[in-house]
Amino acid sequence: MRPQSPVPLTLEEHRELGAEMRAVNARMQELCKVVVSVYGPHNTAAFTFIKAAEQISRLCQDLQAQAARDLPGYPIDGLYL
C-alpha cells in the first residue's frame, strides 16, 4: 500500500511559518554574534552556535524553495528570507 501524498501548506500557512522562521533566524544570528564576540569563534560553544545559526538559515532557504514548489504562480518572494 502506498503512503498518501502529503498535502502542501497553504499560502497562509507558509506566511505564518515564514514570519516565525524569519524571527527565529534573525534572533539566532544576533545571539550567535554575541556568543562569538564573547568567547571567540574557536570556542566549542561558539562554534556550535555558528553551526546552528547556519542550519537555521539553511532551513529558511529550503522552506523558501518548498513554498515555490507548493504554490506555483503565487508571489512567494520573501516568505522565509
PDB file of N, CA and C in Angstrom:
ATOM      1  N   MET A   1       0.837  -1.170   0.000  1.00  0.00           N
ATOM      2  CA  MET A   1       0.000   0.000   0.000  1.00  0.00           C
ATOM      3  C   MET A   1       0.892   1.246   0.000  1.00  0.00           C
ATOM      4  N   ARG A   2       0.620   2.180  -0.901  1.00  0.00           N
ATOM      5  CA  ARG A   2       1.407   3.410  -0.998  1.00  0.00           C
ATOM      6  C   ARG A   2       0.966   4.422   0.056  1.00  0.00           C
ATOM      7  N   PRO A   3       1.936   5.119   0.638  1.00  0.00           N
ATOM      8  CA  PRO A   3       1.538   6.159   1.595  1.00  0.00           C
ATOM      9  C   PRO A   3       0.847   7.305   0.852  1.00  0.00           C
ATOM     10  N   GLN A   4      -0.040   7.988   1.539  1.00  0.00           N
ATOM     11  CA  GLN A   4      -0.713   9.132   0.944  1.00  0.00           C
ATOM     12  C   GLN A   4       0.289  10.231   0.640  1.00  0.00           C
ATOM     13  N   SER A   5       0.027  10.967  -0.427  1.00  0.00           N
ATOM     14  CA  SER A   5       0.860  12.121  -0.745  1.00  0.00           C
ATOM     15  C   SER A   5       0.596  13.205   0.286  1.00  0.00           C
ATOM     16  N   PRO A   6       1.642  13.878   0.737  1.00  0.00           N
ATOM     17  CA  PRO A   6       1.429  14.938   1.717  1.00  0.00           C
ATOM     18  C   PRO A   6       0.669  16.110   1.087  1.00  0.00           C
ATOM     19  N   VAL A   7      -0.165  16.746   1.864  1.00  0.00           N
ATOM     20  CA  VAL A   7      -0.884  17.929   1.416  1.00  0.00           C
ATOM     21  C   VAL A   7       0.014  19.126   1.706  1.00  0.00           C
ATOM     22  N   PRO A   8       0.358  19.909   0.685  1.00  0.00           N
ATOM     23  CA  PRO A   8       1.263  21.034   0.916  1.00  0.00           C
ATOM     24  C   PRO A   8       0.611  22.120   1.776  1.00  0.00           C
ATOM     25  N   LEU A   9       1.456  22.928   2.368  1.00  0.00           N
ATOM     26  CA  LEU A   9       0.964  24.062   3.145  1.00  0.00           C
ATOM     27  C   LEU A   9       0.268  25.055   2.225  1.00  0.00           C
ATOM     28  N   THR A  10      -0.707  25.748   2.770  1.00  0.00           N
ATOM     29  CA  THR A  10      -1.390  26.795   2.022  1.00  0.00           C
ATOM     30  C   THR A  10      -0.526  28.059   2.032  1.00  0.00           C
ATOM     31  N   LEU A  11      -0.926  29.033   1.239  1.00  0.00           N
ATOM     32  CA  LEU A  11      -0.215  30.304   1.226  1.00  0.00           C
ATOM     33  C   LEU A  11      -0.236  30.934   2.618  1.00  0.00           C
ATOM     34  N   GLU A  12      -1.383  30.919   3.271  1.00  0.00           N
ATOM     35  CA  GLU A  12      -1.485  31.500   4.606  1.00  0.00           C
ATOM     36  C   GLU A  12      -0.598  30.752   5.609  1.00  0.00           C
ATOM     37  N   GLU A  13      -0.554  29.444   5.515  1.00  0.00           N
ATOM     38  CA  GLU A  13       0.308  28.655   6.406  1.00  0.00           C
ATOM     39  C   GLU A  13       1.784  28.968   6.148  1.00  0.00           C
ATOM     40  N   HIS A  14       2.165  29.100   4.892  1.00  0.00           N
ATOM     41  CA  HIS A  14       3.550  29.482   4.587  1.00  0.00           C
ATOM     42  C   HIS A  14       3.846  30.884   5.107  1.00  0.00           C
ATOM     43  N   ARG A  15       2.885  31.787   4.998  1.00  0.00           N
ATOM     44  CA  ARG A  15       3.098  33.151   5.522  1.00  0.00           C
ATOM     45  C   ARG A  15       3.326  33.127   7.028  1.00  0.00           C
ATOM     46  N   GLU A  16       2.501  32.373   7.734  1.00  0.00           N
ATOM     47  CA  GLU A  16       2.645  32.287   9.192  1.00  0.00           C
ATOM     48  C   GLU A  16       3.966  31.640   9.584  1.00  0.00           C
ATOM     49  N   LEU A  17       4.282  30.525   8.949  1.00  0.00           N
ATOM     50  CA  LEU A  17       5.537  29.843   9.248  1.00  0.00           C
ATOM     51  C   LEU A  17       6.725  30.716   8.865  1.00  0.00           C
ATOM     52  N   GLY A  18       6.612  31.397   7.732  1.00  0.00           N
ATOM     53  CA  GLY A  18       7.685  32.284   7.282  1.00  0.00           C
ATOM     54  C   GLY A  18       7.965  33.399   8.270  1.00  0.00           C
ATOM     55  N   ALA A  19       6.908  34.009   8.801  1.00  0.00           N
ATOM     56  CA  ALA A  19       7.095  35.085   9.782  1.00  0.00           C
ATOM     57  C   ALA A  19       7.818  34.556  11.020  1.00  0.00           C
ATOM     58  N   GLU A  20       7.421  33.384  11.481  1.00  0.00           N
ATOM     59  CA  GLU A  20       8.074  32.776  12.647  1.00  0.00           C
ATOM     60  C   GLU A  20       9.540  32.446  12.347  1.00  0.00           C
ATOM     61  N   MET A  21       9.783  31.856  11.185  1.00  0.00           N
ATOM     62  CA  MET A  21      11.147  31.448  10.846  1.00  0.00           C
ATOM     63  C   MET A  21      12.067  32.651  10.618  1.00  0.00           C
ATOM     64  N   ARG A  22      11.552  33.717  10.023  1.00  0.00           N
ATOM     65  CA  ARG A  22      12.374  34.927   9.854  1.00  0.00           C
ATOM     66  C   ARG A  22      12.778  35.483  11.217  1.00  0.00           C
ATOM     67  N   ALA A  23      11.831  35.470  12.166  1.00  0.00           N
ATOM     68  CA  ALA A  23      12.128  35.964  13.516  1.00  0.00           C
ATOM     69  C   ALA A  23      13.153  35.073  14.208  1.00  0.00           C
ATOM     70  N   VAL A  24      12.980  33.760  14.098  1.00  0.00           N
ATOM     71  CA  VAL A  24      13.929  32.815  14.705  1.00  0.00           C
ATOM     72  C   VAL A  24      15.315  33.006  14.099  1.00  0.00           C
ATOM     73  N   ASN A  25      15.365  33.118  12.774  1.00  0.00           N
ATOM     74  CA  ASN A  25      16.644  33.266  12.080  1.00  0.00           C
ATOM     75  C   ASN A  25      17.340  34.562  12.515  1.00  0.00           C
ATOM     76  N   ALA A  26      16.593  35.661  12.557  1.00  0.00           N
ATOM     77  CA  ALA A  26      17.188  36.944  12.946  1.00  0.00           C
ATOM     78  C   ALA A  26      17.698  36.888  14.385  1.00  0.00           C
ATOM     79  N   ARG A  27      16.916  36.313  15.274  1.00  0.00           N
ATOM     80  CA  ARG A  27      17.335  36.230  16.680  1.00  0.00           C
ATOM     81  C   ARG A  27      18.547  35.332  16.840  1.00  0.00           C
ATOM     82  N   MET A  28      18.555  34.219  16.129  1.00  0.00           N
ATOM     83  CA  MET A  28      19.688  33.298  16.216  1.00  0.00           C
ATOM     84  C   MET A  28      20.966  33.983  15.730  1.00  0.00           C
ATOM     85  N   GLN A  29      20.874  34.753  14.653  1.00  0.00           N
ATOM     86  CA  GLN A  29      22.048  35.463  14.150  1.00  0.00           C
ATOM     87  C   GLN A  29      22.566  36.468  15.184  1.00  0.00           C
ATOM     88  N   GLU A  30      21.637  37.181  15.840  1.00  0.00           N
ATOM     89  CA  GLU A  30      22.036  38.139  16.875  1.00  0.00           C
ATOM     90  C   GLU A  30      22.732  37.437  18.047  1.00  0.00           C
ATOM     91  N   LEU A  31      22.124  36.361  18.522  1.00  0.00           N
ATOM     92  CA  LEU A  31      22.699  35.628  19.649  1.00  0.00           C
ATOM     93  C   LEU A  31      24.053  35.020  19.279  1.00  0.00           C
ATOM     94  N   CYS A  32      24.165  34.540  18.074  1.00  0.00           N
ATOM     95  CA  CYS A  32      25.427  33.966  17.611  1.00  0.00           C
ATOM     96  C   CYS A  32      26.536  35.014  17.657  1.00  0.00           C
ATOM     97  N   LYS A  33      26.236  36.215  17.183  1.00  0.00           N
ATOM     98  CA  LYS A  33      27.235  37.291  17.212  1.00  0.00           C
ATOM     99  C   LYS A  33      27.694  37.585  18.637  1.00  0.00           C
ATOM    100  N   VAL A  34      26.765  37.588  19.575  1.00  0.00           N
ATOM    101  CA  VAL A  34      27.109  37.854  20.976  1.00  0.00           C
ATOM    102  C   VAL A  34      28.036  36.764  21.510  1.00  0.00           C
ATOM    103  N   VAL A  35      27.659  35.520  21.319  1.00  0.00           N
ATOM    104  CA  VAL A  35      28.451  34.404  21.854  1.00  0.00           C
ATOM    105  C   VAL A  35      29.843  34.380  21.218  1.00  0.00           C
ATOM    106  N   VAL A  36      29.907  34.571  19.910  1.00  0.00           N
ATOM    107  CA  VAL A  36      31.207  34.560  19.227  1.00  0.00           C
ATOM    108  C   VAL A  36      32.060  35.748  19.677  1.00  0.00           C
ATOM    109  N   SER A  37      31.446  36.914  19.880  1.00  0.00           N
ATOM    110  CA  SER A  37      32.232  38.077  20.312  1.00  0.00           C
ATOM    111  C   SER A  37      32.770  37.901  21.733  1.00  0.00           C
ATOM    112  N   VAL A  38      32.045  37.168  22.568  1.00  0.00           N
ATOM    113  CA  VAL A  38      32.486  36.944  23.948  1.00  0.00           C
ATOM    114  C   VAL A  38      33.543  35.851  24.021  1.00  0.00           C
ATOM    115  N   TYR A  39      33.301  34.728  23.349  1.00  0.00           N
ATOM    116  CA  TYR A  39      34.168  33.567  23.507  1.00  0.00           C
ATOM    117  C   TYR A  39      35.122  33.316  22.345  1.00  0.00           C
ATOM    118  N   GLY A  40      34.890  33.966  21.227  1.00  0.00           N
ATOM    119  CA  GLY A  40      35.735  33.742  20.059  1.00  0.00           C
ATOM    120  C   GLY A  40      35.227  32.560  19.246  1.00  0.00           C
ATOM    121  N   PRO A  41      35.536  32.555  17.952  1.00  0.00           N
ATOM    122  CA  PRO A  41      34.984  31.537  17.054  1.00  0.00           C
ATOM    123  C   PRO A  41      35.541  30.133  17.274  1.00  0.00           C
ATOM    124  N   HIS A  42      36.645  30.013  18.014  1.00  0.00           N
ATOM    125  CA  HIS A  42      37.247  28.692  18.206  1.00  0.00           C
ATOM    126  C   HIS A  42      36.776  28.004  19.485  1.00  0.00           C
ATOM    127  N   ASN A  43      35.984  28.712  20.270  1.00  0.00           N
ATOM    128  CA  ASN A  43      35.383  28.122  21.461  1.00  0.00           C
ATOM    129  C   ASN A  43      34.333  27.100  21.027  1.00  0.00           C
ATOM    130  N   THR A  44      34.243  25.990  21.735  1.00  0.00           N
ATOM    131  CA  THR A  44      33.324  24.921  21.360  1.00  0.00           C
ATOM    132  C   THR A  44      31.874  25.390  21.311  1.00  0.00           C
ATOM    133  N   ALA A  45      31.441  26.099  22.325  1.00  0.00           N
ATOM    134  CA  ALA A  45      30.051  26.577  22.351  1.00  0.00           C
ATOM    135  C   ALA A  45      29.797  27.573  21.219  1.00  0.00           C
ATOM    136  N   ALA A  46      30.742  28.468  20.990  1.00  0.00           N
ATOM    137  CA  ALA A  46      30.586  29.450  19.908  1.00  0.00           C
ATOM    138  C   ALA A  46      30.562  28.753  18.550  1.00  0.00           C
ATOM    139  N   PHE A  47      31.441  27.776  18.370  1.00  0.00           N
ATOM    140  CA  PHE A  47      31.481  27.028  17.107  1.00  0.00           C
ATOM    141  C   PHE A  47      30.144  26.328  16.855  1.00  0.00           C
ATOM    142  N   THR A  48      29.598  25.704  17.886  1.00  0.00           N
ATOM    143  CA  THR A  48      28.314  25.020  17.752  1.00  0.00           C
ATOM    144  C   THR A  48      27.205  26.027  17.470  1.00  0.00           C
ATOM    145  N   PHE A  49      27.279  27.191  18.091  1.00  0.00           N
ATOM    146  CA  PHE A  49      26.294  28.239  17.846  1.00  0.00           C
ATOM    147  C   PHE A  49      26.347  28.673  16.380  1.00  0.00           C
ATOM    148  N   ILE A  50      27.543  28.832  15.867  1.00  0.00           N
ATOM    149  CA  ILE A  50      27.705  29.212  14.453  1.00  0.00           C
ATOM    150  C   ILE A  50      27.062  28.166  13.557  1.00  0.00           C
ATOM    151  N   LYS A  51      27.332  26.915  13.831  1.00  0.00           N
ATOM    152  CA  LYS A  51      26.768  25.824  13.009  1.00  0.00           C
ATOM    153  C   LYS A  51      25.246  25.792  13.108  1.00  0.00           C
ATOM    154  N   ALA A  52      24.707  25.994  14.309  1.00  0.00           N
ATOM    155  CA  ALA A  52      23.254  26.004  14.490  1.00  0.00           C
ATOM    156  C   ALA A  52      22.623  27.172  13.723  1.00  0.00           C
ATOM    157  N   ALA A  53      23.253  28.335  13.792  1.00  0.00           N
ATOM    158  CA  ALA A  53      22.743  29.503  13.070  1.00  0.00           C
ATOM    159  C   ALA A  53      22.778  29.267  11.557  1.00  0.00           C
ATOM    160  N   GLU A  54      23.835  28.635  11.081  1.00  0.00           N
ATOM    161  CA  GLU A  54      23.924  28.308   9.653  1.00  0.00           C
ATOM    162  C   GLU A  54      22.819  27.354   9.232  1.00  0.00           C
ATOM    163  N   GLN A  55      22.511  26.396  10.076  1.00  0.00           N
ATOM    164  CA  GLN A  55      21.476  25.418   9.742  1.00  0.00           C
ATOM    165  C   GLN A  55      20.078  26.041   9.751  1.00  0.00           C
ATOM    166  N   ILE A  56      19.831  26.962  10.649  1.00  0.00           N
ATOM    167  CA  ILE A  56      18.539  27.651  10.637  1.00  0.00           C
ATOM    168  C   ILE A  56      18.412  28.487   9.378  1.00  0.00           C
ATOM    169  N   SER A  57      19.484  29.143   8.992  1.00  0.00           N
ATOM    170  CA  SER A  57      19.481  29.903   7.740  1.00  0.00           C
ATOM    171  C   SER A  57      19.221  28.975   6.555  1.00  0.00           C
ATOM    172  N   ARG A  58      19.859  27.822   6.560  1.00  0.00           N
ATOM    173  CA  ARG A  58      19.649  26.830   5.503  1.00  0.00           C
ATOM    174  C   ARG A  58      18.205  26.339   5.490  1.00  0.00           C
ATOM    175  N   LEU A  59      17.625  26.137   6.666  1.00  0.00           N
ATOM    176  CA  LEU A  59      16.235  25.710   6.759  1.00  0.00           C
ATOM    177  C   LEU A  59      15.318  26.756   6.126  1.00  0.00           C
ATOM    178  N   CYS A  60      15.586  28.027   6.372  1.00  0.00           N
ATOM    179  CA  CYS A  60      14.781  29.088   5.755  1.00  0.00           C
ATOM    180  C   CYS A  60      14.896  29.040   4.229  1.00  0.00           C
ATOM    181  N   GLN A  61      16.089  28.794   3.729  1.00  0.00           N
ATOM    182  CA  GLN A  61      16.273  28.669   2.277  1.00  0.00           C
ATOM    183  C   GLN A  61      15.496  27.475   1.735  1.00  0.00           C
ATOM    184  N   ASP A  62      15.563  26.358   2.434  1.00  0.00           N
ATOM    185  CA  ASP A  62      14.851  25.154   1.999  1.00  0.00           C
ATOM    186  C   ASP A  62      13.335  25.357   2.041  1.00  0.00           C
ATOM    187  N   LEU A  63      12.850  26.038   3.067  1.00  0.00           N
ATOM    188  CA  LEU A  63      11.422  26.313   3.155  1.00  0.00           C
ATOM    189  C   LEU A  63      10.971  27.275   2.061  1.00  0.00           C
ATOM    190  N   GLN A  64      11.823  28.233   1.706  1.00  0.00           N
ATOM    191  CA  GLN A  64      11.502  29.148   0.603  1.00  0.00           C
ATOM    192  C   GLN A  64      11.359  28.356  -0.692  1.00  0.00           C
ATOM    193  N   ALA A  65      12.274  27.421  -0.922  1.00  0.00           N
ATOM    194  CA  ALA A  65      12.205  26.572  -2.119  1.00  0.00           C
ATOM    195  C   ALA A  65      10.963  25.683  -2.076  1.00  0.00           C
ATOM    196  N   GLN A  66      10.619  25.184  -0.894  1.00  0.00           N
ATOM    197  CA  GLN A  66       9.424  24.356  -0.768  1.00  0.00           C
ATOM    198  C   GLN A  66       8.166  25.160  -1.058  1.00  0.00           C
ATOM    199  N   ALA A  67       8.128  26.394  -0.600  1.00  0.00           N
ATOM    200  CA  ALA A  67       6.973  27.256  -0.873  1.00  0.00           C
ATOM    201  C   ALA A  67       6.804  27.465  -2.372  1.00  0.00           C
ATOM    202  N   ALA A  68       7.916  27.610  -3.090  1.00  0.00           N
ATOM    203  CA  ALA A  68       7.849  27.772  -4.548  1.00  0.00           C
ATOM    204  C   ALA A  68       7.252  26.526  -5.196  1.00  0.00           C
ATOM    205  N   ARG A  69       7.574  25.352  -4.673  1.00  0.00           N
ATOM    206  CA  ARG A  69       7.010  24.112  -5.216  1.00  0.00           C
ATOM    207  C   ARG A  69       5.542  23.951  -4.825  1.00  0.00           C
ATOM    208  N   ASP A  70       5.206  24.351  -3.609  1.00  0.00           N
ATOM    209  CA  ASP A  70       3.844  24.200  -3.120  1.00  0.00           C
ATOM    210  C   ASP A  70       2.867  25.177  -3.769  1.00  0.00           C
ATOM    211  N   LEU A  71       3.380  26.357  -4.127  1.00  0.00           N
ATOM    212  CA  LEU A  71       2.498  27.448  -4.557  1.00  0.00           C
ATOM    213  C   LEU A  71       2.922  28.028  -5.906  1.00  0.00           C
ATOM    214  N   PRO A  72       2.963  27.222  -6.951  1.00  0.00           N
ATOM    215  CA  PRO A  72       3.389  27.759  -8.253  1.00  0.00           C
ATOM    216  C   PRO A  72       2.434  28.871  -8.696  1.00  0.00           C
ATOM    217  N   GLY A  73       3.026  29.956  -9.165  1.00  0.00           N
ATOM    218  CA  GLY A  73       2.238  31.082  -9.643  1.00  0.00           C
ATOM    219  C   GLY A  73       1.870  32.101  -8.584  1.00  0.00           C
ATOM    220  N   TYR A  74       2.119  31.797  -7.313  1.00  0.00           N
ATOM    221  CA  TYR A  74       1.818  32.740  -6.239  1.00  0.00           C
ATOM    222  C   TYR A  74       3.060  33.587  -5.941  1.00  0.00           C
ATOM    223  N   PRO A  75       2.857  34.816  -5.466  1.00  0.00           N
ATOM    224  CA  PRO A  75       4.001  35.638  -5.075  1.00  0.00           C
ATOM    225  C   PRO A  75       4.554  35.178  -3.731  1.00  0.00           C
ATOM    226  N   ILE A  76       5.653  34.453  -3.766  1.00  0.00           N
ATOM    227  CA  ILE A  76       6.202  33.888  -2.520  1.00  0.00           C
ATOM    228  C   ILE A  76       7.552  34.488  -2.142  1.00  0.00           C
ATOM    229  N   ASP A  77       8.033  35.464  -2.928  1.00  0.00           N
ATOM    230  CA  ASP A  77       9.318  36.069  -2.613  1.00  0.00           C
ATOM    231  C   ASP A  77       9.316  36.633  -1.198  1.00  0.00           C
ATOM    232  N   GLY A  78      10.341  36.304  -0.457  1.00  0.00           N
ATOM    233  CA  GLY A  78      10.497  36.850   0.879  1.00  0.00           C
ATOM    234  C   GLY A  78       9.693  36.185   1.978  1.00  0.00           C
ATOM    235  N   LEU A  79       9.054  35.073   1.692  1.00  0.00           N
ATOM    236  CA  LEU A  79       8.288  34.411   2.745  1.00  0.00           C
ATOM    237  C   LEU A  79       9.195  33.964   3.891  1.00  0.00           C
ATOM    238  N   TYR A  80      10.355  33.439   3.555  1.00  0.00           N
ATOM    239  CA  TYR A  80      11.253  32.888   4.578  1.00  0.00           C
ATOM    240  C   TYR A  80      12.592  33.604   4.660  1.00  0.00           C
ATOM    241  N   LEU A  81      12.910  34.403   3.676  1.00  0.00           N
ATOM    242  CA  LEU A  81      14.230  35.047   3.644  1.00  0.00           C
ATOM    243  C   LEU A  81      14.108  36.549   3.811  1.00  0.00           C
TER     244      LEU A  81
END
